[in-house]
Amino acid sequence: MRSAVLGLSVALLFGACASQSVDDAKKEIGNQDQVIRGLTLRNEDLMTQNKLLDTELAASRAENGRLKGERSASDMMGDVAEMLRKLEAELGQQGDVHFKARGDGIAVEVAETLLFDSGKATLKKSGVKLMKELGVKLGAMTGDIRVEGHTDNQPVRLNTKEFPLGNLQLSGARSLAVADVLIKECGFEAKRVSFAGYGEVRPVADNGSDSGRSRNRRVEIVVLKPQAMK
């Protein structure tokens, strides 16, 4: 009888120990599960922060690139302005070559009388010579060039058959003639040179006077800013 009781006691003891071990194991597993969940959340948080940092870094690089581009464009236009000031000093004695800053770049304004006879779109020999002189200077620049033709508000009276559309057509033909010289005689790449005729719609002086109309009859050769090239 004592032996049976002893055996039962030992069995109960071992059972209690086994139950305690299971409980401890479950508790340990629960603790480890909490740790794992905490580490998972922490990892997700770090990944989110990393993505934000990557986004901020990309934005900073883009802004840095933009600022460098602006500085580069500013430096380039500063070089152009200095070059044109020197050119103005060389050619300024002619009185009909002007230089001016514009929103889209810097323009060399050349009076009609230096380039063309009245009502014509064929460059005079003196006009070709002048364009070659300008081309040598402008050819050192890497920016694009746009040639713009302008007239006064008086209708075309000479060569009306050649220019039935009037001032708009005449100004376009003149700008094309100048652009052609820049490409063929001065070595500009054709893709760098464009032209446009504006006729009488962009006057720089009063068309009510002879002097004003004379000023409006002009060709402008524009050294374009980088953003204006797009």
Protein backbone atom coordinates (compact mmCIF):
# COMPACT_ATOMS: atom_id res chain seq x y z
CA MET A 1 0.00 0.00 0.00
CA ARG A 2 2.81 2.40 0.89
CA SER A 3 4.47 1.54 -2.39
CA ALA A 4 1.36 2.43 -4.35
CA VAL A 5 0.98 5.71 -2.54
CA LEU A 6 4.64 6.53 -3.14
CA GLY A 7 4.30 5.77 -6.84
CA LEU A 8 1.24 7.96 -7.11
CA SER A 9 3.04 10.81 -5.36
CA VAL A 10 6.02 10.53 -7.71
CA ALA A 11 3.69 10.51 -10.72
CA LEU A 12 1.86 13.58 -9.48
CA LEU A 13 5.17 15.32 -8.83
CA PHE A 14 6.46 14.57 -12.29
CA GLY A 15 3.11 15.65 -13.76
CA ALA A 16 3.22 18.95 -11.94
CA CYS A 17 6.82 19.53 -13.08
CA ALA A 18 5.92 18.69 -16.68
CA SER A 19 2.92 21.04 -16.56
CA GLN A 20 5.12 23.81 -15.13
CA SER A 21 7.69 23.25 -17.88
CA VAL A 22 5.00 23.53 -20.56
CA ASP A 23 3.68 26.73 -19.02
CA ASP A 24 7.19 28.17 -18.83
CA ALA A 25 7.83 27.18 -22.43
CA LYS A 26 4.58 28.79 -23.57
CA LYS A 27 5.44 31.94 -21.67
CA GLU A 28 8.92 32.00 -23.22
CA ILE A 29 7.44 31.49 -26.68
CA GLY A 30 4.98 34.30 -26.01
CA ASN A 31 7.82 36.58 -24.92
CA GLN A 32 9.82 35.71 -28.00
CA ASP A 33 6.79 36.30 -30.20
CA GLN A 34 6.38 39.75 -28.68
CA VAL A 35 10.06 40.47 -29.31
CA ILE A 36 9.72 39.30 -32.92
CA ARG A 37 6.63 41.48 -33.46
CA GLY A 38 8.45 44.43 -31.94
CA LEU A 39 11.47 43.88 -34.18
CA THR A 40 9.21 43.50 -37.22
CA LEU A 41 7.47 46.79 -36.47
CA ARG A 42 10.82 48.44 -35.88
CA ASN A 43 12.12 47.10 -39.19
CA GLU A 44 9.04 48.38 -41.01
CA ASP A 45 9.50 51.77 -39.39
CA LEU A 46 13.15 51.86 -40.45
CA MET A 47 12.23 50.87 -43.99
CA THR A 48 9.66 53.69 -44.12
CA GLN A 49 12.24 56.17 -42.82
CA ASN A 50 14.73 54.89 -45.38
CA LYS A 51 12.25 55.46 -48.21
CA LEU A 52 11.61 58.99 -46.95
CA LEU A 53 15.35 59.66 -46.82
CA ASP A 54 15.74 58.29 -50.37
CA THR A 55 12.97 60.61 -51.54
CA GLU A 56 14.54 63.60 -49.80
CA LEU A 57 17.96 62.69 -51.24
CA ALA A 58 16.53 62.46 -54.76
CA ALA A 59 14.80 65.83 -54.29
CA SER A 60 18.04 67.37 -52.99
CA ARG A 61 20.00 66.02 -55.95
CA ALA A 62 17.39 67.36 -58.37
CA GLU A 63 17.47 70.78 -56.71
CA ASN A 64 21.26 70.76 -56.73
CA GLY A 65 21.21 69.92 -60.43
CA ARG A 66 18.74 72.73 -61.08
CA LEU A 67 20.89 75.24 -59.21
CA LYS A 68 23.99 74.11 -61.07
CA GLY A 69 22.07 74.50 -64.33
CA GLU A 70 21.00 78.00 -63.36
CA ARG A 71 24.56 78.94 -62.42
CA SER A 72 25.83 77.48 -65.67
CA ALA A 73 23.20 79.35 -67.69
CA SER A 74 23.95 82.55 -65.77
CA ASP A 75 27.69 82.14 -66.39
CA MET A 76 27.06 81.48 -70.07
CA MET A 77 24.85 84.52 -70.52
CA GLY A 78 27.42 86.60 -68.62
CA ASP A 79 30.05 85.47 -71.11
CA VAL A 80 27.73 86.34 -73.99
CA ALA A 81 27.03 89.79 -72.55
CA GLU A 82 30.75 90.49 -72.15
CA MET A 83 31.44 89.29 -75.68
CA LEU A 84 28.69 91.48 -77.10
CA ARG A 85 29.97 94.53 -75.19
CA LYS A 86 33.35 94.04 -76.84
CA LEU A 87 31.68 93.52 -80.19
CA GLU A 88 29.66 96.70 -79.74
CA ALA A 89 32.88 98.60 -79.10
CA GLU A 90 34.33 97.20 -82.34
CA LEU A 91 31.27 97.80 -84.52
CA GLY A 92 29.60 100.63 -82.64
CA GLN A 93 31.10 103.27 -84.91
CA GLN A 94 28.65 102.18 -87.57
CA GLY A 95 25.84 103.49 -85.38
CA ASP A 96 23.26 101.03 -86.62
CA VAL A 97 24.28 97.96 -84.63
CA HIS A 98 22.76 97.76 -81.15
CA PHE A 99 22.92 95.18 -78.37
CA LYS A 100 20.23 94.53 -75.81
CA ALA A 101 19.23 92.02 -73.15
CA ARG A 102 15.90 90.25 -73.59
CA GLY A 103 13.92 87.76 -71.58
CA ASP A 104 14.93 84.92 -73.88
CA GLY A 105 18.55 85.94 -74.40
CA ILE A 106 20.72 88.74 -75.77
CA ALA A 107 20.02 90.30 -79.17
CA VAL A 108 22.23 91.95 -81.76
CA GLU A 109 20.00 94.47 -83.52
CA VAL A 110 21.14 95.38 -87.06
CA ALA A 111 19.48 98.14 -89.05
CA GLU A 112 17.93 97.30 -92.42
CA THR A 113 20.20 99.79 -94.23
CA LEU A 114 23.32 97.80 -93.30
CA LEU A 115 21.93 94.59 -94.75
CA PHE A 116 19.29 95.18 -97.44
CA ASP A 117 18.14 97.64 -100.04
CA SER A 118 14.61 98.95 -99.56
CA GLY A 119 11.95 96.35 -100.32
CA LYS A 120 14.49 93.60 -101.02
CA ALA A 121 15.52 90.43 -99.19
CA THR A 122 18.90 89.82 -100.84
CA LEU A 123 21.82 90.74 -98.60
CA LYS A 124 24.09 93.49 -99.87
CA LYS A 125 27.80 92.71 -100.13
CA SER A 126 28.42 94.98 -97.15
CA GLY A 127 25.67 93.10 -95.29
CA VAL A 128 27.30 89.74 -95.98
CA LYS A 129 30.62 91.12 -94.74
CA LEU A 130 29.02 92.40 -91.54
CA MET A 131 27.27 89.09 -90.94
CA LYS A 132 30.57 87.26 -91.34
CA GLU A 133 32.13 89.54 -88.74
CA LEU A 134 29.25 88.89 -86.36
CA GLY A 135 29.33 85.18 -87.18
CA VAL A 136 32.95 84.87 -86.12
CA LYS A 137 32.08 86.30 -82.73
CA LEU A 138 28.82 84.43 -82.26
CA GLY A 139 30.30 81.16 -83.54
CA ALA A 140 32.30 80.80 -80.33
CA MET A 141 29.09 80.41 -78.37
CA THR A 142 27.46 77.03 -77.76
CA GLY A 143 23.90 78.33 -77.56
CA ASP A 144 21.33 78.37 -80.34
CA ILE A 145 20.70 81.39 -82.55
CA ARG A 146 17.36 82.76 -83.73
CA VAL A 147 17.27 85.33 -86.53
CA GLU A 148 14.23 87.63 -86.45
CA GLY A 149 13.11 89.97 -89.22
CA HIS A 150 11.11 93.15 -88.49
CA THR A 151 9.64 95.98 -90.57
CA ASP A 152 7.85 99.27 -90.06
CA ASN A 153 4.11 99.63 -90.58
CA GLN A 154 4.30 100.94 -94.14
CA PRO A 155 3.06 98.57 -96.85
CA VAL A 156 5.52 97.00 -99.27
CA ARG A 157 5.59 99.25 -102.35
CA LEU A 158 8.56 97.76 -104.19
CA ASN A 159 8.62 94.16 -105.37
CA THR A 160 4.99 93.62 -104.47
CA LYS A 161 4.85 90.66 -106.84
CA GLU A 162 7.71 89.00 -104.99
CA PHE A 163 6.11 89.68 -101.59
CA PRO A 164 2.33 89.54 -102.10
CA LEU A 165 1.85 88.94 -98.37
CA GLY A 166 3.57 92.22 -97.56
CA ASN A 167 5.73 92.96 -94.55
CA LEU A 168 5.31 89.59 -92.91
CA GLN A 169 6.65 87.79 -95.97
CA LEU A 170 9.43 90.35 -96.51
CA SER A 171 10.63 90.11 -92.90
CA GLY A 172 10.59 86.31 -93.08
CA ALA A 173 12.62 86.28 -96.31
CA ARG A 174 15.18 88.65 -94.78
CA SER A 175 15.59 86.59 -91.63
CA LEU A 176 16.05 83.48 -93.78
CA ALA A 177 18.72 85.22 -95.85
CA VAL A 178 20.69 86.10 -92.70
CA ALA A 179 20.26 82.61 -91.25
CA ASP A 180 21.50 81.15 -94.55
CA VAL A 181 24.71 83.21 -94.34
CA LEU A 182 25.31 82.11 -90.76
CA ILE A 183 25.04 78.48 -91.84
CA LYS A 184 26.78 78.55 -95.22
CA GLU A 185 29.36 81.28 -94.72
CA CYS A 186 30.00 81.21 -90.97
CA GLY A 187 29.89 77.47 -90.33
CA PHE A 188 26.94 77.34 -87.94
CA GLU A 189 25.23 73.97 -87.68
CA ALA A 190 21.81 74.21 -89.27
CA LYS A 191 20.18 72.69 -86.19
CA ARG A 192 21.47 75.61 -84.09
CA VAL A 193 19.93 78.31 -86.28
CA SER A 194 16.25 79.20 -86.65
CA PHE A 195 14.52 82.18 -88.22
CA ALA A 196 11.23 84.04 -87.95
CA GLY A 197 9.55 87.00 -89.64
CA TYR A 198 7.37 89.26 -87.50
CA GLY A 199 6.61 92.01 -89.96
CA GLU A 200 5.38 95.17 -88.24
CA VAL A 201 3.93 93.63 -85.05
CA ARG A 202 6.97 94.12 -82.78
CA PRO A 203 8.08 97.74 -83.16
CA VAL A 204 10.82 99.16 -80.95
CA ALA A 205 10.09 102.78 -81.86
CA ASP A 206 7.19 105.02 -82.91
CA ASN A 207 6.09 104.38 -86.48
CA GLY A 208 4.77 107.94 -86.59
CA SER A 209 8.20 109.37 -87.46
CA ASP A 210 10.83 108.65 -90.10
CA SER A 211 13.43 107.91 -87.45
CA GLY A 212 11.08 105.57 -85.62
CA ARG A 213 10.19 103.66 -88.77
CA SER A 214 13.87 103.42 -89.64
CA ARG A 215 14.59 101.89 -86.22
CA ASN A 216 11.78 99.36 -86.66
CA ARG A 217 13.19 98.10 -89.97
CA ARG A 218 15.75 95.74 -88.53
CA VAL A 219 17.04 92.20 -88.10
CA GLU A 220 17.72 90.84 -84.62
CA ILE A 221 20.14 87.96 -84.08
CA VAL A 222 19.29 86.47 -80.70
CA VAL A 223 21.68 84.36 -78.62
CA LEU A 224 19.15 82.24 -76.77
CA LYS A 225 19.25 81.33 -73.10
CA PRO A 226 19.24 77.51 -72.49
CA GLN A 227 15.59 77.44 -71.31
CA ALA A 228 14.55 79.36 -74.43
CA MET A 229 16.10 76.68 -76.65
CA LYS A 230 13.55 74.05 -75.58
